[in-house]
Amino acid sequence: MTDREYVEKGSYTHPQADGYIALKQYIFIRRDGKRCLLLRFANEFSRTVHGFEVIVTQLSSDGRVIGRSRVPYQNISVASGNTYSPDSGIVVRENCADFRISLVYFVSGDYKYVIKRGHAVAHYDPRGYEVPKTNPARSTQIAVKSVHRNGGIFTLIAVVSTVIIVGLCLVAALSGSGGKKTTAYNGGDVSVCDTAILY
């Protein structure tokens, strides 16, 4: 049986990035002789969240940083407006009197939203994130400040080149008529047009 003693409970009032994943409440407990931190997060994003990562910075009573750790929460499904309380606590130092939470990223559908300067930057990668099938996202709104898709300028160049090549192939195929008049059917109307010959 687990020995558990509640040490302190409170609401998290420090500034956080608005509209994403927010820490609402915390509890310091002593479990099996170790000081632990239990957290309750709220999904303030407009869609279901399937994972996120935070940095927990531990502070001493005089405000010094005494520890820092990255804590991932994966393979979850938290609908917009709902709360999430992880089952496991975060072991903290004995002299940890306060802490700060900062959101690193969160995952929703095929997008990983990385937090930069208080804003979420979306990275599209359908292969990178497994979405639990038990609770699909119902909202189609995405509240992001900027979007970054992997590939950038090289993807744009490849798409434009493909369009140009297909267009040239189409013109070359049509020019095979030798400049003769052809008949084009357009919704029942018959019109005659000259085809261009490319040299």
C-alpha atoms as a PDB file:
ATOM      1  CA  MET A   1       0.000   0.000   0.000  1.00  0.00           C
ATOM      2  CA  THR A   2       1.268   3.465  -0.863  1.00  0.00           C
ATOM      3  CA  ASP A   3       1.971   5.836   2.010  1.00  0.00           C
ATOM      4  CA  ARG A   4       0.575   9.240   0.956  1.00  0.00           C
ATOM      5  CA  GLU A   5       0.543  12.523   2.886  1.00  0.00           C
ATOM      6  CA  TYR A   6      -0.836  15.752   1.429  1.00  0.00           C
ATOM      7  CA  VAL A   7       1.555  18.649   2.026  1.00  0.00           C
ATOM      8  CA  GLU A   8       0.127  21.586   0.051  1.00  0.00           C
ATOM      9  CA  LYS A   9      -2.650  22.214  -2.475  1.00  0.00           C
ATOM     10  CA  GLY A  10      -3.233  25.292  -4.608  1.00  0.00           C
ATOM     11  CA  SER A  11      -4.232  26.961  -7.853  1.00  0.00           C
ATOM     12  CA  TYR A  12      -1.484  27.867 -10.308  1.00  0.00           C
ATOM     13  CA  THR A  13      -1.564  31.641 -10.827  1.00  0.00           C
ATOM     14  CA  HIS A  14       1.667  32.310 -12.733  1.00  0.00           C
ATOM     15  CA  PRO A  15       1.478  33.562 -16.373  1.00  0.00           C
ATOM     16  CA  GLN A  16       1.026  30.942 -19.093  1.00  0.00           C
ATOM     17  CA  ALA A  17       0.549  30.914 -22.871  1.00  0.00           C
ATOM     18  CA  ASP A  18      -3.158  31.623 -23.470  1.00  0.00           C
ATOM     19  CA  GLY A  19      -5.441  29.311 -25.425  1.00  0.00           C
ATOM     20  CA  TYR A  20      -3.444  26.089 -25.303  1.00  0.00           C
ATOM     21  CA  ILE A  21      -2.689  23.775 -22.356  1.00  0.00           C
ATOM     22  CA  ALA A  22      -2.844  25.481 -18.954  1.00  0.00           C
ATOM     23  CA  LEU A  23      -1.955  24.235 -15.495  1.00  0.00           C
ATOM     24  CA  LYS A  24      -4.921  24.892 -13.199  1.00  0.00           C
ATOM     25  CA  GLN A  25      -4.175  23.135  -9.900  1.00  0.00           C
ATOM     26  CA  TYR A  26      -1.354  21.379  -8.109  1.00  0.00           C
ATOM     27  CA  ILE A  27      -0.812  19.287  -4.997  1.00  0.00           C
ATOM     28  CA  PHE A  28       2.487  18.638  -3.224  1.00  0.00           C
ATOM     29  CA  ILE A  29       2.344  15.217  -1.564  1.00  0.00           C
ATOM     30  CA  ARG A  30       4.753  12.891   0.174  1.00  0.00           C
ATOM     31  CA  ARG A  31       4.511   9.389  -1.308  1.00  0.00           C
ATOM     32  CA  ASP A  32       6.694   6.509  -0.108  1.00  0.00           C
ATOM     33  CA  GLY A  33       9.064   8.987   1.551  1.00  0.00           C
ATOM     34  CA  LYS A  34       9.488  11.149  -1.585  1.00  0.00           C
ATOM     35  CA  ARG A  35       8.142  14.639  -2.193  1.00  0.00           C
ATOM     36  CA  CYS A  36       5.966  14.614  -5.344  1.00  0.00           C
ATOM     37  CA  LEU A  37       4.016  17.128  -7.377  1.00  0.00           C
ATOM     38  CA  LEU A  38       0.598  16.202  -8.816  1.00  0.00           C
ATOM     39  CA  LEU A  39      -0.779  18.436 -11.571  1.00  0.00           C
ATOM     40  CA  ARG A  40      -4.163  19.145 -13.190  1.00  0.00           C
ATOM     41  CA  PHE A  41      -4.089  20.631 -16.701  1.00  0.00           C
ATOM     42  CA  ALA A  42      -6.916  22.127 -18.775  1.00  0.00           C
ATOM     43  CA  ASN A  43      -7.184  21.902 -22.561  1.00  0.00           C
ATOM     44  CA  GLU A  44      -7.946  25.485 -23.638  1.00  0.00           C
ATOM     45  CA  PHE A  45      -7.214  24.676 -27.289  1.00  0.00           C
ATOM     46  CA  SER A  46     -10.126  24.475 -29.742  1.00  0.00           C
ATOM     47  CA  ARG A  47      -9.465  20.810 -30.609  1.00  0.00           C
ATOM     48  CA  THR A  48      -8.730  17.539 -28.834  1.00  0.00           C
ATOM     49  CA  VAL A  49      -5.134  17.252 -27.616  1.00  0.00           C
ATOM     50  CA  HIS A  50      -3.324  13.903 -27.934  1.00  0.00           C
ATOM     51  CA  GLY A  51      -0.092  14.728 -26.121  1.00  0.00           C
ATOM     52  CA  PHE A  52       2.027  17.564 -24.748  1.00  0.00           C
ATOM     53  CA  GLU A  53       5.293  18.288 -22.964  1.00  0.00           C
ATOM     54  CA  VAL A  54       6.088  20.748 -20.192  1.00  0.00           C
ATOM     55  CA  ILE A  55       9.232  21.935 -18.438  1.00  0.00           C
ATOM     56  CA  VAL A  56       8.954  21.919 -14.650  1.00  0.00           C
ATOM     57  CA  THR A  57      11.371  24.361 -12.974  1.00  0.00           C
ATOM     58  CA  GLN A  58      11.776  23.773  -9.241  1.00  0.00           C
ATOM     59  CA  LEU A  59      12.473  26.772  -7.009  1.00  0.00           C
ATOM     60  CA  SER A  60      13.792  27.011  -3.452  1.00  0.00           C
ATOM     61  CA  SER A  61      12.172  29.209  -0.793  1.00  0.00           C
ATOM     62  CA  ASP A  62      14.487  32.090  -1.788  1.00  0.00           C
ATOM     63  CA  GLY A  63      13.572  31.783  -5.505  1.00  0.00           C
ATOM     64  CA  ARG A  64      16.705  29.979  -6.731  1.00  0.00           C
ATOM     65  CA  VAL A  65      16.369  27.347  -9.451  1.00  0.00           C
ATOM     66  CA  ILE A  66      17.173  23.984  -7.870  1.00  0.00           C
ATOM     67  CA  GLY A  67      16.010  21.630 -10.595  1.00  0.00           C
ATOM     68  CA  ARG A  68      14.517  21.455 -14.056  1.00  0.00           C
ATOM     69  CA  SER A  69      12.965  18.556 -15.950  1.00  0.00           C
ATOM     70  CA  ARG A  70      11.041  17.920 -19.161  1.00  0.00           C
ATOM     71  CA  VAL A  71       7.879  15.913 -18.625  1.00  0.00           C
ATOM     72  CA  PRO A  72       6.053  14.420 -21.652  1.00  0.00           C
ATOM     73  CA  TYR A  73       2.421  13.274 -21.574  1.00  0.00           C
ATOM     74  CA  GLN A  74       1.689  11.077 -24.598  1.00  0.00           C
ATOM     75  CA  ASN A  75      -1.067   8.840 -25.979  1.00  0.00           C
ATOM     76  CA  ILE A  76      -3.827  10.776 -24.260  1.00  0.00           C
ATOM     77  CA  SER A  77      -7.083  12.232 -25.520  1.00  0.00           C
ATOM     78  CA  VAL A  78      -8.270  15.430 -23.837  1.00  0.00           C
ATOM     79  CA  ALA A  79     -11.237  17.138 -25.513  1.00  0.00           C
ATOM     80  CA  SER A  80     -11.376  20.910 -25.738  1.00  0.00           C
ATOM     81  CA  GLY A  81     -12.497  22.397 -22.412  1.00  0.00           C
ATOM     82  CA  ASN A  82     -11.732  19.239 -20.392  1.00  0.00           C
ATOM     83  CA  THR A  83      -9.096  18.706 -17.717  1.00  0.00           C
ATOM     84  CA  TYR A  84      -6.339  16.114 -17.500  1.00  0.00           C
ATOM     85  CA  SER A  85      -4.714  14.843 -14.308  1.00  0.00           C
ATOM     86  CA  PRO A  86      -1.781  12.485 -14.947  1.00  0.00           C
ATOM     87  CA  ASP A  87      -1.758   9.350 -12.792  1.00  0.00           C
ATOM     88  CA  SER A  88       1.883   9.672 -11.844  1.00  0.00           C
ATOM     89  CA  GLY A  89       3.421  12.534  -9.904  1.00  0.00           C
ATOM     90  CA  ILE A  90       6.693  14.326 -10.541  1.00  0.00           C
ATOM     91  CA  VAL A  91       9.357  13.654  -7.910  1.00  0.00           C
ATOM     92  CA  VAL A  92      10.778  16.988  -6.701  1.00  0.00           C
ATOM     93  CA  ARG A  93      13.613  17.916  -4.341  1.00  0.00           C
ATOM     94  CA  GLU A  94      12.953  18.119  -0.616  1.00  0.00           C
ATOM     95  CA  ASN A  95      13.689  21.878  -0.567  1.00  0.00           C
ATOM     96  CA  CYS A  96      11.342  22.630  -3.504  1.00  0.00           C
ATOM     97  CA  ALA A  97       9.078  25.411  -2.227  1.00  0.00           C
ATOM     98  CA  ASP A  98       7.635  26.604  -5.552  1.00  0.00           C
ATOM     99  CA  PHE A  99       7.765  25.745  -9.243  1.00  0.00           C
ATOM    100  CA  ARG A 100       7.089  27.118 -12.713  1.00  0.00           C
ATOM    101  CA  ILE A 101       5.529  25.284 -15.649  1.00  0.00           C
ATOM    102  CA  SER A 102       6.218  26.155 -19.269  1.00  0.00           C
ATOM    103  CA  LEU A 103       4.554  24.415 -22.201  1.00  0.00           C
ATOM    104  CA  VAL A 104       7.032  23.136 -24.811  1.00  0.00           C
ATOM    105  CA  TYR A 105       4.593  21.693 -27.369  1.00  0.00           C
ATOM    106  CA  PHE A 106       1.250  19.937 -27.755  1.00  0.00           C
ATOM    107  CA  VAL A 107      -0.112  17.534 -30.372  1.00  0.00           C
ATOM    108  CA  SER A 108      -3.540  17.648 -31.983  1.00  0.00           C
ATOM    109  CA  GLY A 109      -4.323  15.433 -34.965  1.00  0.00           C
ATOM    110  CA  ASP A 110      -1.520  15.584 -37.542  1.00  0.00           C
ATOM    111  CA  TYR A 111      -0.005  18.761 -36.077  1.00  0.00           C
ATOM    112  CA  LYS A 112       2.609  19.361 -33.431  1.00  0.00           C
ATOM    113  CA  TYR A 113       2.255  22.904 -32.059  1.00  0.00           C
ATOM    114  CA  VAL A 114       5.563  24.210 -30.710  1.00  0.00           C
ATOM    115  CA  ILE A 115       5.317  27.172 -28.320  1.00  0.00           C
ATOM    116  CA  LYS A 116       7.585  30.068 -29.319  1.00  0.00           C
ATOM    117  CA  ARG A 117       7.309  33.456 -27.596  1.00  0.00           C
ATOM    118  CA  GLY A 118       3.856  32.604 -26.270  1.00  0.00           C
ATOM    119  CA  HIS A 119       2.441  31.540 -29.655  1.00  0.00           C
ATOM    120  CA  ALA A 120       1.898  28.094 -31.153  1.00  0.00           C
ATOM    121  CA  VAL A 121       3.724  27.328 -34.395  1.00  0.00           C
ATOM    122  CA  ALA A 122       2.169  24.344 -36.187  1.00  0.00           C
ATOM    123  CA  HIS A 123       4.332  21.654 -37.787  1.00  0.00           C
ATOM    124  CA  TYR A 124       2.516  19.220 -40.071  1.00  0.00           C
ATOM    125  CA  ASP A 125       3.670  15.603 -39.928  1.00  0.00           C
ATOM    126  CA  PRO A 126       0.986  12.929 -40.374  1.00  0.00           C
ATOM    127  CA  ARG A 127       3.513  10.137 -39.780  1.00  0.00           C
ATOM    128  CA  GLY A 128       4.837  11.493 -36.504  1.00  0.00           C
ATOM    129  CA  TYR A 129       1.872  11.314 -34.141  1.00  0.00           C
ATOM    130  CA  GLU A 130      -0.521   8.516 -33.361  1.00  0.00           C
ATOM    131  CA  VAL A 131      -4.016   9.736 -32.595  1.00  0.00           C
ATOM    132  CA  PRO A 132      -6.056   7.623 -30.159  1.00  0.00           C
ATOM    133  CA  LYS A 133      -9.195   6.401 -31.932  1.00  0.00           C
ATOM    134  CA  THR A 134     -11.426   6.516 -28.859  1.00  0.00           C
ATOM    135  CA  ASN A 135     -12.260  10.235 -28.938  1.00  0.00           C
ATOM    136  CA  PRO A 136     -11.886  11.973 -32.333  1.00  0.00           C
ATOM    137  CA  ALA A 137     -11.607  15.761 -32.488  1.00  0.00           C
ATOM    138  CA  ARG A 138     -14.948  17.374 -33.301  1.00  0.00           C
ATOM    139  CA  SER A 139     -13.923  20.968 -33.913  1.00  0.00           C
ATOM    140  CA  THR A 140     -12.326  22.141 -37.135  1.00  0.00           C
ATOM    141  CA  GLN A 141     -11.012  25.463 -35.837  1.00  0.00           C
ATOM    142  CA  ILE A 142      -7.281  25.913 -35.379  1.00  0.00           C
ATOM    143  CA  ALA A 143      -6.131  28.864 -33.270  1.00  0.00           C
ATOM    144  CA  VAL A 144      -2.509  29.383 -34.277  1.00  0.00           C
ATOM    145  CA  LYS A 145      -0.512  32.524 -34.956  1.00  0.00           C
ATOM    146  CA  SER A 146       1.719  31.070 -37.700  1.00  0.00           C
ATOM    147  CA  VAL A 147       2.057  27.807 -39.591  1.00  0.00           C
ATOM    148  CA  HIS A 148       5.283  26.122 -40.686  1.00  0.00           C
ATOM    149  CA  ARG A 149       5.072  23.104 -42.939  1.00  0.00           C
ATOM    150  CA  ASN A 150       8.057  20.811 -43.325  1.00  0.00           C
ATOM    151  CA  GLY A 151       9.715  21.207 -46.724  1.00  0.00           C
ATOM    152  CA  GLY A 152       9.343  24.965 -47.232  1.00  0.00           C
ATOM    153  CA  ILE A 153      10.823  26.427 -50.428  1.00  0.00           C
ATOM    154  CA  PHE A 154      11.910  23.057 -51.844  1.00  0.00           C
ATOM    155  CA  THR A 155       8.337  21.767 -51.753  1.00  0.00           C
ATOM    156  CA  LEU A 156       7.127  24.924 -53.503  1.00  0.00           C
ATOM    157  CA  ILE A 157       9.779  24.578 -56.239  1.00  0.00           C
ATOM    158  CA  ALA A 158       8.861  20.902 -56.762  1.00  0.00           C
ATOM    159  CA  VAL A 159       5.141  21.697 -57.088  1.00  0.00           C
ATOM    160  CA  VAL A 160       5.697  24.592 -59.529  1.00  0.00           C
ATOM    161  CA  SER A 161       8.111  22.476 -61.624  1.00  0.00           C
ATOM    162  CA  THR A 162       5.598  19.626 -61.798  1.00  0.00           C
ATOM    163  CA  VAL A 163       2.818  21.976 -62.946  1.00  0.00           C
ATOM    164  CA  ILE A 164       5.059  23.437 -65.668  1.00  0.00           C
ATOM    165  CA  ILE A 165       6.131  19.983 -66.918  1.00  0.00           C
ATOM    166  CA  VAL A 166       2.537  18.724 -67.036  1.00  0.00           C
ATOM    167  CA  GLY A 167       1.504  21.877 -68.896  1.00  0.00           C
ATOM    168  CA  LEU A 168       4.270  21.471 -71.470  1.00  0.00           C
ATOM    169  CA  CYS A 169       3.357  17.812 -71.989  1.00  0.00           C
ATOM    170  CA  LEU A 170      -0.279  18.778 -72.525  1.00  0.00           C
ATOM    171  CA  VAL A 171       0.647  21.456 -75.076  1.00  0.00           C
ATOM    172  CA  ALA A 172       2.996  19.044 -76.869  1.00  0.00           C
ATOM    173  CA  ALA A 173       0.243  16.422 -77.071  1.00  0.00           C
ATOM    174  CA  LEU A 174      -2.240  18.918 -78.479  1.00  0.00           C
ATOM    175  CA  SER A 175       0.261  20.229 -81.002  1.00  0.00           C
ATOM    176  CA  GLY A 176       0.528  16.778 -82.577  1.00  0.00           C
ATOM    177  CA  SER A 177      -2.433  17.598 -84.876  1.00  0.00           C
ATOM    178  CA  GLY A 178      -0.125  19.424 -87.327  1.00  0.00           C
ATOM    179  CA  GLY A 179      -2.000  22.699 -87.153  1.00  0.00           C
ATOM    180  CA  LYS A 180      -5.214  21.227 -88.546  1.00  0.00           C
ATOM    181  CA  LYS A 181      -8.538  22.487 -87.377  1.00  0.00           C
ATOM    182  CA  THR A 182     -10.074  20.404 -84.605  1.00  0.00           C
ATOM    183  CA  THR A 183     -13.551  20.331 -83.218  1.00  0.00           C
ATOM    184  CA  ALA A 184     -14.052  20.881 -79.490  1.00  0.00           C
ATOM    185  CA  TYR A 185     -17.306  19.977 -77.810  1.00  0.00           C
ATOM    186  CA  ASN A 186     -18.244  22.354 -75.013  1.00  0.00           C
ATOM    187  CA  GLY A 187     -21.530  21.592 -73.273  1.00  0.00           C
ATOM    188  CA  GLY A 188     -23.373  20.787 -76.518  1.00  0.00           C
ATOM    189  CA  ASP A 189     -22.055  23.823 -78.429  1.00  0.00           C
ATOM    190  CA  VAL A 190     -19.656  23.036 -81.250  1.00  0.00           C
ATOM    191  CA  SER A 191     -16.774  25.429 -81.786  1.00  0.00           C
ATOM    192  CA  VAL A 192     -13.742  25.271 -84.020  1.00  0.00           C
ATOM    193  CA  CYS A 193     -10.325  26.280 -82.739  1.00  0.00           C
ATOM    194  CA  ASP A 194      -6.795  26.306 -84.137  1.00  0.00           C
ATOM    195  CA  THR A 195      -4.156  24.415 -82.168  1.00  0.00           C
ATOM    196  CA  ALA A 196      -0.741  25.982 -81.675  1.00  0.00           C
ATOM    197  CA  ILE A 197       2.337  24.369 -83.084  1.00  0.00           C
ATOM    198  CA  LEU A 198       5.488  24.552 -80.942  1.00  0.00           C
ATOM    199  CA  TYR A 199       8.855  24.483 -82.699  1.00  0.00           C
END
